[in-house]
Amino acid sequence: MIRFTLLLFMFVCSLFCGLYAQHAYFPTKGIISFEREVYLRARMREMSSKSSGQNRGMMMRYNSNVDDIPEKNSSFFTLQFDQTATLMSAVDEESATSTSTPSRTPSRGGRRPNSGRPERMGRSAMRGGSPDKIFYQNLTQGSSLVQMELDEKYVLEDSLQRITWRFTDEYRQIAGYECRRVNGATPDSLYIVAFYTDQIPVSGGPALVHGLPGMILGLAIPEMHINYWAQKVDFVTDNVPQNWKDKKAKEMNMQELFESLGKNRFFGGGNNRNQMKRNLLENLIY
């Protein structure tokens, strides 16, 4: 009798697990809505401390009025992904928070794991005063493209940055998914914190961050006072579009852009070219 009961129990468990496996869905195509938080006051002070010479004097003048600006602001992005690529672009707040989107199947929703809403600013200020950017990751080839506008539109090509990851036992719910915390460091020693979920088995994330066994839904860059938090995930059937680039944009690589800027020290670093390049790349990407 005990043996029969044990066999029956094992049969029921295997049946339940089989049914669960049939209905579990691990998407490889979708669209993620992200909110990007920038802590403006802390970021302004950080930029001032890194500056030198004439640029330092300019930053100190701005810094004298730092208490007059909001503590932080938000901008919004969508990241479309498939098994081979991701495409992230800016959207307005209404589009980012809309729940009725044609051709999408809503899945899990949620807010960032913080309470309270950031202060809002005008549309241009909300994006940090910088033009909209489009970020493309080719996960198969390990390359990236960033479309942005300075004096004219550029499409900047580079390889995906290698990040050294260290896994932790900390977990957090983001947009309805259980995410594991991983601490990372770039070759330039920029410290980042990522929260990824293996329930979305695509090795991508916001701001060209990648390299984990699942999608990154939370990203923090403490030194730059910037956070990205996923708000919701929608499943789709379409692949990432390939015709997103502006045909009039000038194409070059990151090194060529850096060389074309010459003596421009807006991003800090003084005469230290390595520090200047690091500051430029970080401000372009994150």
C-alpha atoms as a PDB file:
ATOM      1  CA  MET A   1       0.000   0.000   0.000  1.00  0.00           C
ATOM      2  CA  ILE A   2       2.820   2.410   0.863  1.00  0.00           C
ATOM      3  CA  ARG A   3       4.565   1.554  -2.406  1.00  0.00           C
ATOM      4  CA  PHE A   4       1.366   2.155  -4.379  1.00  0.00           C
ATOM      5  CA  THR A   5       0.822   5.524  -2.661  1.00  0.00           C
ATOM      6  CA  LEU A   6       4.401   6.558  -3.415  1.00  0.00           C
ATOM      7  CA  LEU A   7       4.057   5.614  -7.087  1.00  0.00           C
ATOM      8  CA  LEU A   8       0.790   7.531  -7.325  1.00  0.00           C
ATOM      9  CA  PHE A   9       2.400  10.596  -5.750  1.00  0.00           C
ATOM     10  CA  MET A  10       5.322  10.468  -8.198  1.00  0.00           C
ATOM     11  CA  PHE A  11       2.919  10.130 -11.137  1.00  0.00           C
ATOM     12  CA  VAL A  12       0.881  13.166 -10.050  1.00  0.00           C
ATOM     13  CA  CYS A  13       4.062  15.239  -9.559  1.00  0.00           C
ATOM     14  CA  SER A  14       5.414  14.316 -12.985  1.00  0.00           C
ATOM     15  CA  LEU A  15       2.046  15.122 -14.588  1.00  0.00           C
ATOM     16  CA  PHE A  16       1.926  18.520 -12.882  1.00  0.00           C
ATOM     17  CA  CYS A  17       5.504  19.352 -13.885  1.00  0.00           C
ATOM     18  CA  GLY A  18       4.774  18.322 -17.465  1.00  0.00           C
ATOM     19  CA  LEU A  19       1.719  20.557 -17.650  1.00  0.00           C
ATOM     20  CA  TYR A  20       3.670  23.474 -16.166  1.00  0.00           C
ATOM     21  CA  ALA A  21       6.477  23.005 -18.684  1.00  0.00           C
ATOM     22  CA  GLN A  22       3.975  23.026 -21.544  1.00  0.00           C
ATOM     23  CA  HIS A  23       2.499  26.357 -20.433  1.00  0.00           C
ATOM     24  CA  ALA A  24       5.685  28.121 -19.294  1.00  0.00           C
ATOM     25  CA  TYR A  25       6.702  30.708 -21.871  1.00  0.00           C
ATOM     26  CA  PHE A  26      10.218  32.069 -22.173  1.00  0.00           C
ATOM     27  CA  PRO A  27      10.028  34.822 -24.788  1.00  0.00           C
ATOM     28  CA  THR A  28      12.811  35.426 -27.294  1.00  0.00           C
ATOM     29  CA  LYS A  29      11.007  38.331 -29.006  1.00  0.00           C
ATOM     30  CA  GLY A  30       9.450  41.308 -27.292  1.00  0.00           C
ATOM     31  CA  ILE A  31       9.440  44.982 -26.390  1.00  0.00           C
ATOM     32  CA  ILE A  32      10.508  46.267 -22.966  1.00  0.00           C
ATOM     33  CA  SER A  33       9.538  49.705 -21.659  1.00  0.00           C
ATOM     34  CA  PHE A  34      12.315  51.308 -19.595  1.00  0.00           C
ATOM     35  CA  GLU A  35      12.435  54.380 -17.394  1.00  0.00           C
ATOM     36  CA  ARG A  36      15.820  56.078 -17.154  1.00  0.00           C
ATOM     37  CA  GLU A  37      16.482  58.070 -13.978  1.00  0.00           C
ATOM     38  CA  VAL A  38      19.249  60.666 -13.826  1.00  0.00           C
ATOM     39  CA  TYR A  39      20.095  62.221 -10.446  1.00  0.00           C
ATOM     40  CA  LEU A  40      20.880  65.681 -11.786  1.00  0.00           C
ATOM     41  CA  ARG A  41      22.341  67.394  -8.725  1.00  0.00           C
ATOM     42  CA  ALA A  42      24.690  64.544  -7.874  1.00  0.00           C
ATOM     43  CA  ARG A  43      25.676  64.177 -11.533  1.00  0.00           C
ATOM     44  CA  MET A  44      26.453  67.883 -11.864  1.00  0.00           C
ATOM     45  CA  ARG A  45      28.685  67.772  -8.802  1.00  0.00           C
ATOM     46  CA  GLU A  46      30.408  64.643 -10.124  1.00  0.00           C
ATOM     47  CA  MET A  47      31.117  66.296 -13.491  1.00  0.00           C
ATOM     48  CA  SER A  48      32.473  69.382 -11.714  1.00  0.00           C
ATOM     49  CA  SER A  49      34.869  67.318  -9.607  1.00  0.00           C
ATOM     50  CA  LYS A  50      36.243  65.619 -12.753  1.00  0.00           C
ATOM     51  CA  SER A  51      36.749  68.847 -14.691  1.00  0.00           C
ATOM     52  CA  SER A  52      39.954  70.888 -14.883  1.00  0.00           C
ATOM     53  CA  GLY A  53      41.201  74.214 -16.237  1.00  0.00           C
ATOM     54  CA  GLN A  54      38.752  76.467 -18.065  1.00  0.00           C
ATOM     55  CA  ASN A  55      36.214  73.673 -18.202  1.00  0.00           C
ATOM     56  CA  ARG A  56      36.329  73.396 -14.408  1.00  0.00           C
ATOM     57  CA  GLY A  57      35.529  77.107 -14.056  1.00  0.00           C
ATOM     58  CA  MET A  58      32.536  76.709 -16.368  1.00  0.00           C
ATOM     59  CA  MET A  59      31.273  73.713 -14.408  1.00  0.00           C
ATOM     60  CA  MET A  60      31.686  75.577 -11.104  1.00  0.00           C
ATOM     61  CA  ARG A  61      29.496  78.393 -12.408  1.00  0.00           C
ATOM     62  CA  TYR A  62      26.795  75.855 -13.266  1.00  0.00           C
ATOM     63  CA  ASN A  63      27.370  74.090  -9.965  1.00  0.00           C
ATOM     64  CA  SER A  64      26.659  77.289  -8.001  1.00  0.00           C
ATOM     65  CA  ASN A  65      23.004  76.991  -9.036  1.00  0.00           C
ATOM     66  CA  VAL A  66      22.773  73.237  -8.606  1.00  0.00           C
ATOM     67  CA  ASP A  67      20.187  73.501  -5.815  1.00  0.00           C
ATOM     68  CA  ASP A  68      17.810  75.252  -8.233  1.00  0.00           C
ATOM     69  CA  ILE A  69      17.458  72.201 -10.475  1.00  0.00           C
ATOM     70  CA  PRO A  70      15.341  69.099  -9.682  1.00  0.00           C
ATOM     71  CA  GLU A  71      17.057  66.339  -7.788  1.00  0.00           C
ATOM     72  CA  LYS A  72      16.378  63.922 -10.637  1.00  0.00           C
ATOM     73  CA  ASN A  73      14.492  63.556 -13.900  1.00  0.00           C
ATOM     74  CA  SER A  74      13.221  60.703 -16.031  1.00  0.00           C
ATOM     75  CA  SER A  75      13.199  59.786 -19.689  1.00  0.00           C
ATOM     76  CA  PHE A  76      11.636  56.763 -21.338  1.00  0.00           C
ATOM     77  CA  PHE A  77      12.807  54.154 -23.820  1.00  0.00           C
ATOM     78  CA  THR A  78      11.582  51.008 -25.489  1.00  0.00           C
ATOM     79  CA  LEU A  79      13.920  48.122 -26.193  1.00  0.00           C
ATOM     80  CA  GLN A  80      12.852  45.685 -28.901  1.00  0.00           C
ATOM     81  CA  PHE A  81      14.652  42.346 -28.877  1.00  0.00           C
ATOM     82  CA  ASP A  82      14.917  39.024 -30.640  1.00  0.00           C
ATOM     83  CA  GLN A  83      17.457  36.210 -30.370  1.00  0.00           C
ATOM     84  CA  THR A  84      20.147  38.049 -32.318  1.00  0.00           C
ATOM     85  CA  ALA A  85      19.701  41.801 -31.729  1.00  0.00           C
ATOM     86  CA  THR A  86      18.237  44.609 -29.619  1.00  0.00           C
ATOM     87  CA  LEU A  87      17.100  48.110 -30.614  1.00  0.00           C
ATOM     88  CA  MET A  88      16.518  50.814 -27.997  1.00  0.00           C
ATOM     89  CA  SER A  89      15.044  54.246 -28.753  1.00  0.00           C
ATOM     90  CA  ALA A  90      13.499  57.125 -26.801  1.00  0.00           C
ATOM     91  CA  VAL A  91       9.725  57.586 -26.505  1.00  0.00           C
ATOM     92  CA  ASP A  92       7.539  60.071 -24.675  1.00  0.00           C
ATOM     93  CA  GLU A  93       6.044  59.220 -21.290  1.00  0.00           C
ATOM     94  CA  GLU A  94       2.539  58.594 -22.639  1.00  0.00           C
ATOM     95  CA  SER A  95       3.805  55.987 -25.110  1.00  0.00           C
ATOM     96  CA  ALA A  96       5.984  54.344 -22.480  1.00  0.00           C
ATOM     97  CA  THR A  97       3.149  53.901 -19.985  1.00  0.00           C
ATOM     98  CA  SER A  98       0.373  53.053 -22.446  1.00  0.00           C
ATOM     99  CA  THR A  99      -1.161  49.635 -21.930  1.00  0.00           C
ATOM    100  CA  SER A 100      -3.083  49.473 -25.209  1.00  0.00           C
ATOM    101  CA  THR A 101      -0.556  48.879 -27.973  1.00  0.00           C
ATOM    102  CA  PRO A 102      -1.653  47.234 -31.250  1.00  0.00           C
ATOM    103  CA  SER A 103       0.190  44.060 -32.333  1.00  0.00           C
ATOM    104  CA  ARG A 104       1.558  43.461 -28.831  1.00  0.00           C
ATOM    105  CA  THR A 105       0.461  40.857 -26.327  1.00  0.00           C
ATOM    106  CA  PRO A 106       0.749  42.261 -22.781  1.00  0.00           C
ATOM    107  CA  SER A 107       2.414  39.963 -20.290  1.00  0.00           C
ATOM    108  CA  ARG A 108       3.703  41.024 -16.907  1.00  0.00           C
ATOM    109  CA  GLY A 109       3.622  44.539 -15.523  1.00  0.00           C
ATOM    110  CA  GLY A 110       5.269  46.347 -12.688  1.00  0.00           C
ATOM    111  CA  ARG A 111       6.980  49.457 -11.415  1.00  0.00           C
ATOM    112  CA  ARG A 112      10.599  50.008 -10.552  1.00  0.00           C
ATOM    113  CA  PRO A 113      11.495  48.788  -7.049  1.00  0.00           C
ATOM    114  CA  ASN A 114      11.474  52.338  -5.631  1.00  0.00           C
ATOM    115  CA  SER A 115       8.628  54.330  -4.176  1.00  0.00           C
ATOM    116  CA  GLY A 116       7.612  57.769  -5.341  1.00  0.00           C
ATOM    117  CA  ARG A 117       7.741  59.448  -8.711  1.00  0.00           C
ATOM    118  CA  PRO A 118      10.554  61.686  -9.927  1.00  0.00           C
ATOM    119  CA  GLU A 119      10.017  65.344 -10.614  1.00  0.00           C
ATOM    120  CA  ARG A 120       9.029  66.112 -14.186  1.00  0.00           C
ATOM    121  CA  MET A 121      10.622  68.685 -16.427  1.00  0.00           C
ATOM    122  CA  GLY A 122      10.038  69.981 -19.930  1.00  0.00           C
ATOM    123  CA  ARG A 123      10.443  67.497 -22.753  1.00  0.00           C
ATOM    124  CA  SER A 124      13.924  68.561 -23.854  1.00  0.00           C
ATOM    125  CA  ALA A 125      15.163  68.866 -20.275  1.00  0.00           C
ATOM    126  CA  MET A 126      13.607  65.536 -19.384  1.00  0.00           C
ATOM    127  CA  ARG A 127      16.064  63.880 -21.755  1.00  0.00           C
ATOM    128  CA  GLY A 128      18.991  65.645 -20.186  1.00  0.00           C
ATOM    129  CA  GLY A 129      19.087  68.306 -22.897  1.00  0.00           C
ATOM    130  CA  SER A 130      20.623  65.803 -25.332  1.00  0.00           C
ATOM    131  CA  PRO A 131      19.098  64.706 -28.646  1.00  0.00           C
ATOM    132  CA  ASP A 132      17.343  61.384 -28.979  1.00  0.00           C
ATOM    133  CA  LYS A 133      19.610  58.404 -29.518  1.00  0.00           C
ATOM    134  CA  ILE A 134      19.035  54.957 -30.993  1.00  0.00           C
ATOM    135  CA  PHE A 135      21.071  52.015 -29.695  1.00  0.00           C
ATOM    136  CA  TYR A 136      21.494  48.803 -31.696  1.00  0.00           C
ATOM    137  CA  GLN A 137      23.225  45.652 -30.458  1.00  0.00           C
ATOM    138  CA  ASN A 138      24.168  42.800 -32.781  1.00  0.00           C
ATOM    139  CA  LEU A 139      24.439  40.011 -30.224  1.00  0.00           C
ATOM    140  CA  THR A 140      25.679  37.485 -32.779  1.00  0.00           C
ATOM    141  CA  GLN A 141      28.541  39.596 -34.135  1.00  0.00           C
ATOM    142  CA  GLY A 142      29.305  41.404 -30.869  1.00  0.00           C
ATOM    143  CA  SER A 143      28.961  44.858 -32.420  1.00  0.00           C
ATOM    144  CA  SER A 144      26.955  48.019 -31.722  1.00  0.00           C
ATOM    145  CA  LEU A 145      25.611  51.085 -33.523  1.00  0.00           C
ATOM    146  CA  VAL A 146      24.552  54.360 -31.911  1.00  0.00           C
ATOM    147  CA  GLN A 147      22.663  56.982 -33.903  1.00  0.00           C
ATOM    148  CA  MET A 148      22.839  60.469 -32.415  1.00  0.00           C
ATOM    149  CA  GLU A 149      22.919  64.123 -33.389  1.00  0.00           C
ATOM    150  CA  LEU A 150      25.663  66.628 -32.576  1.00  0.00           C
ATOM    151  CA  ASP A 151      26.252  69.239 -35.287  1.00  0.00           C
ATOM    152  CA  GLU A 152      24.719  66.668 -37.654  1.00  0.00           C
ATOM    153  CA  LYS A 153      23.472  63.102 -37.424  1.00  0.00           C
ATOM    154  CA  TYR A 154      25.981  60.323 -36.889  1.00  0.00           C
ATOM    155  CA  VAL A 155      25.843  56.545 -36.760  1.00  0.00           C
ATOM    156  CA  LEU A 156      28.727  55.404 -34.576  1.00  0.00           C
ATOM    157  CA  GLU A 157      29.995  51.843 -34.903  1.00  0.00           C
ATOM    158  CA  ASP A 158      31.913  49.977 -32.220  1.00  0.00           C
ATOM    159  CA  SER A 159      32.359  46.518 -30.756  1.00  0.00           C
ATOM    160  CA  LEU A 160      30.250  45.627 -27.732  1.00  0.00           C
ATOM    161  CA  GLN A 161      32.164  46.467 -24.590  1.00  0.00           C
ATOM    162  CA  ARG A 162      33.520  43.526 -22.625  1.00  0.00           C
ATOM    163  CA  ILE A 163      32.159  43.505 -19.073  1.00  0.00           C
ATOM    164  CA  THR A 164      33.487  41.345 -16.234  1.00  0.00           C
ATOM    165  CA  TRP A 165      30.544  40.062 -14.180  1.00  0.00           C
ATOM    166  CA  ARG A 166      30.396  38.785 -10.594  1.00  0.00           C
ATOM    167  CA  PHE A 167      27.187  37.003  -9.571  1.00  0.00           C
ATOM    168  CA  THR A 168      25.525  37.546  -6.197  1.00  0.00           C
ATOM    169  CA  ASP A 169      22.737  35.824  -4.262  1.00  0.00           C
ATOM    170  CA  GLU A 170      20.542  38.946  -4.205  1.00  0.00           C
ATOM    171  CA  TYR A 171      17.224  38.865  -6.072  1.00  0.00           C
ATOM    172  CA  ARG A 172      14.626  41.514  -6.857  1.00  0.00           C
ATOM    173  CA  GLN A 173      11.265  41.624  -8.604  1.00  0.00           C
ATOM    174  CA  ILE A 174      11.300  43.940 -11.640  1.00  0.00           C
ATOM    175  CA  ALA A 175       8.356  44.247 -14.054  1.00  0.00           C
ATOM    176  CA  GLY A 176       6.946  40.991 -12.673  1.00  0.00           C
ATOM    177  CA  TYR A 177      10.130  38.964 -13.203  1.00  0.00           C
ATOM    178  CA  GLU A 178      12.508  37.600 -10.591  1.00  0.00           C
ATOM    179  CA  CYS A 179      15.897  39.140 -11.348  1.00  0.00           C
ATOM    180  CA  ARG A 180      19.312  38.248 -10.002  1.00  0.00           C
ATOM    181  CA  ARG A 181      21.839  40.944  -9.118  1.00  0.00           C
ATOM    182  CA  VAL A 182      25.218  40.866 -10.839  1.00  0.00           C
ATOM    183  CA  ASN A 183      28.042  43.360 -10.255  1.00  0.00           C
ATOM    184  CA  GLY A 184      30.083  44.318 -13.291  1.00  0.00           C
ATOM    185  CA  ALA A 185      33.163  46.286 -14.298  1.00  0.00           C
ATOM    186  CA  THR A 186      34.143  47.607 -17.721  1.00  0.00           C
ATOM    187  CA  PRO A 187      37.757  47.586 -18.980  1.00  0.00           C
ATOM    188  CA  ASP A 188      37.912  51.266 -17.881  1.00  0.00           C
ATOM    189  CA  SER A 189      36.899  50.254 -14.326  1.00  0.00           C
ATOM    190  CA  LEU A 190      33.407  51.703 -14.482  1.00  0.00           C
ATOM    191  CA  TYR A 191      31.341  49.890 -11.838  1.00  0.00           C
ATOM    192  CA  ILE A 192      27.814  48.861 -12.846  1.00  0.00           C
ATOM    193  CA  VAL A 193      25.051  46.837 -11.221  1.00  0.00           C
ATOM    194  CA  ALA A 194      22.669  44.764 -13.331  1.00  0.00           C
ATOM    195  CA  PHE A 195      19.555  42.730 -12.535  1.00  0.00           C
ATOM    196  CA  TYR A 196      18.773  40.071 -15.137  1.00  0.00           C
ATOM    197  CA  THR A 197      16.126  37.390 -15.580  1.00  0.00           C
ATOM    198  CA  ASP A 198      16.744  34.009 -17.189  1.00  0.00           C
ATOM    199  CA  GLN A 199      13.016  33.878 -18.008  1.00  0.00           C
ATOM    200  CA  ILE A 200      13.867  36.036 -21.036  1.00  0.00           C
ATOM    201  CA  PRO A 201      16.768  34.033 -22.543  1.00  0.00           C
ATOM    202  CA  VAL A 202      18.333  36.862 -24.570  1.00  0.00           C
ATOM    203  CA  SER A 203      21.746  38.209 -23.522  1.00  0.00           C
ATOM    204  CA  GLY A 204      20.947  41.909 -23.941  1.00  0.00           C
ATOM    205  CA  GLY A 205      19.941  44.976 -21.980  1.00  0.00           C
ATOM    206  CA  PRO A 206      19.599  48.760 -21.995  1.00  0.00           C
ATOM    207  CA  ALA A 207      22.429  51.142 -23.001  1.00  0.00           C
ATOM    208  CA  LEU A 208      24.362  48.410 -24.867  1.00  0.00           C
ATOM    209  CA  VAL A 209      24.949  46.404 -21.675  1.00  0.00           C
ATOM    210  CA  HIS A 210      25.022  42.667 -22.327  1.00  0.00           C
ATOM    211  CA  GLY A 211      26.770  39.403 -21.541  1.00  0.00           C
ATOM    212  CA  LEU A 212      24.480  37.772 -18.964  1.00  0.00           C
ATOM    213  CA  PRO A 213      22.431  34.547 -19.298  1.00  0.00           C
ATOM    214  CA  GLY A 214      19.205  36.497 -19.690  1.00  0.00           C
ATOM    215  CA  MET A 215      17.723  39.937 -20.293  1.00  0.00           C
ATOM    216  CA  ILE A 216      18.797  42.842 -18.054  1.00  0.00           C
ATOM    217  CA  LEU A 217      15.705  44.558 -16.607  1.00  0.00           C
ATOM    218  CA  GLY A 218      17.489  46.774 -14.081  1.00  0.00           C
ATOM    219  CA  LEU A 219      20.734  48.679 -14.512  1.00  0.00           C
ATOM    220  CA  ALA A 220      22.497  51.110 -12.162  1.00  0.00           C
ATOM    221  CA  ILE A 221      25.651  53.124 -12.882  1.00  0.00           C
ATOM    222  CA  PRO A 222      26.458  54.631  -9.442  1.00  0.00           C
ATOM    223  CA  GLU A 223      29.401  56.768 -10.586  1.00  0.00           C
ATOM    224  CA  MET A 224      27.196  58.468 -13.216  1.00  0.00           C
ATOM    225  CA  HIS A 225      24.072  58.565 -11.007  1.00  0.00           C
ATOM    226  CA  ILE A 226      21.972  56.861 -13.695  1.00  0.00           C
ATOM    227  CA  ASN A 227      19.462  54.002 -13.337  1.00  0.00           C
ATOM    228  CA  TYR A 228      17.365  52.071 -15.852  1.00  0.00           C
ATOM    229  CA  TRP A 229      14.291  50.159 -14.638  1.00  0.00           C
ATOM    230  CA  ALA A 230      11.980  48.041 -16.793  1.00  0.00           C
ATOM    231  CA  GLN A 231       8.310  48.984 -16.404  1.00  0.00           C
ATOM    232  CA  LYS A 232       6.657  46.250 -18.477  1.00  0.00           C
ATOM    233  CA  VAL A 233       7.432  43.528 -21.011  1.00  0.00           C
ATOM    234  CA  ASP A 234       5.304  42.898 -24.097  1.00  0.00           C
ATOM    235  CA  PHE A 235       5.642  39.797 -26.269  1.00  0.00           C
ATOM    236  CA  VAL A 236       5.723  40.254 -30.064  1.00  0.00           C
ATOM    237  CA  THR A 237       6.257  38.055 -33.108  1.00  0.00           C
ATOM    238  CA  ASP A 238       8.327  40.502 -35.156  1.00  0.00           C
ATOM    239  CA  ASN A 239      12.101  40.531 -35.366  1.00  0.00           C
ATOM    240  CA  VAL A 240      14.104  43.655 -34.561  1.00  0.00           C
ATOM    241  CA  PRO A 241      13.829  45.967 -37.614  1.00  0.00           C
ATOM    242  CA  GLN A 242      16.979  46.441 -39.678  1.00  0.00           C
ATOM    243  CA  ASN A 243      15.971  49.618 -41.560  1.00  0.00           C
ATOM    244  CA  TRP A 244      16.037  52.001 -38.586  1.00  0.00           C
ATOM    245  CA  LYS A 245      19.077  54.128 -39.562  1.00  0.00           C
ATOM    246  CA  ASP A 246      18.684  57.631 -40.985  1.00  0.00           C
ATOM    247  CA  LYS A 247      20.032  57.458 -44.538  1.00  0.00           C
ATOM    248  CA  LYS A 248      21.497  60.969 -44.221  1.00  0.00           C
ATOM    249  CA  ALA A 249      23.496  60.142 -41.082  1.00  0.00           C
ATOM    250  CA  LYS A 250      27.284  60.143 -41.311  1.00  0.00           C
ATOM    251  CA  GLU A 251      28.774  56.772 -40.402  1.00  0.00           C
ATOM    252  CA  MET A 252      32.044  56.494 -38.466  1.00  0.00           C
ATOM    253  CA  ASN A 253      33.500  54.537 -35.584  1.00  0.00           C
ATOM    254  CA  MET A 254      33.915  55.778 -32.018  1.00  0.00           C
ATOM    255  CA  GLN A 255      37.657  56.337 -32.412  1.00  0.00           C
ATOM    256  CA  GLU A 256      37.104  58.554 -35.468  1.00  0.00           C
ATOM    257  CA  LEU A 257      34.538  60.610 -33.555  1.00  0.00           C
ATOM    258  CA  PHE A 258      36.923  61.044 -30.649  1.00  0.00           C
ATOM    259  CA  GLU A 259      39.726  62.184 -32.952  1.00  0.00           C
ATOM    260  CA  SER A 260      37.406  64.621 -34.747  1.00  0.00           C
ATOM    261  CA  LEU A 261      36.631  66.378 -31.457  1.00  0.00           C
ATOM    262  CA  GLY A 262      40.292  67.342 -31.085  1.00  0.00           C
ATOM    263  CA  LYS A 263      40.915  69.514 -28.038  1.00  0.00           C
ATOM    264  CA  ASN A 264      37.294  69.606 -26.910  1.00  0.00           C
ATOM    265  CA  ARG A 265      37.332  68.877 -23.162  1.00  0.00           C
ATOM    266  CA  PHE A 266      33.658  69.261 -22.427  1.00  0.00           C
ATOM    267  CA  PHE A 267      33.548  65.752 -20.998  1.00  0.00           C
ATOM    268  CA  GLY A 268      36.470  66.388 -18.666  1.00  0.00           C
ATOM    269  CA  GLY A 269      39.811  64.687 -18.330  1.00  0.00           C
ATOM    270  CA  GLY A 270      42.119  67.628 -19.084  1.00  0.00           C
ATOM    271  CA  ASN A 271      45.130  66.470 -21.075  1.00  0.00           C
ATOM    272  CA  ASN A 272      44.554  62.825 -20.148  1.00  0.00           C
ATOM    273  CA  ARG A 273      43.353  61.429 -23.473  1.00  0.00           C
ATOM    274  CA  ASN A 274      42.364  58.080 -21.994  1.00  0.00           C
ATOM    275  CA  GLN A 275      40.181  59.791 -19.386  1.00  0.00           C
ATOM    276  CA  MET A 276      38.704  62.100 -22.033  1.00  0.00           C
ATOM    277  CA  LYS A 277      37.825  59.145 -24.233  1.00  0.00           C
ATOM    278  CA  ARG A 278      36.307  57.250 -21.332  1.00  0.00           C
ATOM    279  CA  ASN A 279      34.169  60.245 -20.314  1.00  0.00           C
ATOM    280  CA  LEU A 280      33.025  60.769 -23.893  1.00  0.00           C
ATOM    281  CA  LEU A 281      32.029  57.141 -24.421  1.00  0.00           C
ATOM    282  CA  GLU A 282      30.217  56.950 -21.089  1.00  0.00           C
ATOM    283  CA  ASN A 283      28.198  60.094 -21.830  1.00  0.00           C
ATOM    284  CA  LEU A 284      27.342  58.885 -25.321  1.00  0.00           C
ATOM    285  CA  ILE A 285      26.180  55.452 -24.198  1.00  0.00           C
ATOM    286  CA  TYR A 286      24.664  55.730 -20.735  1.00  0.00           C
END
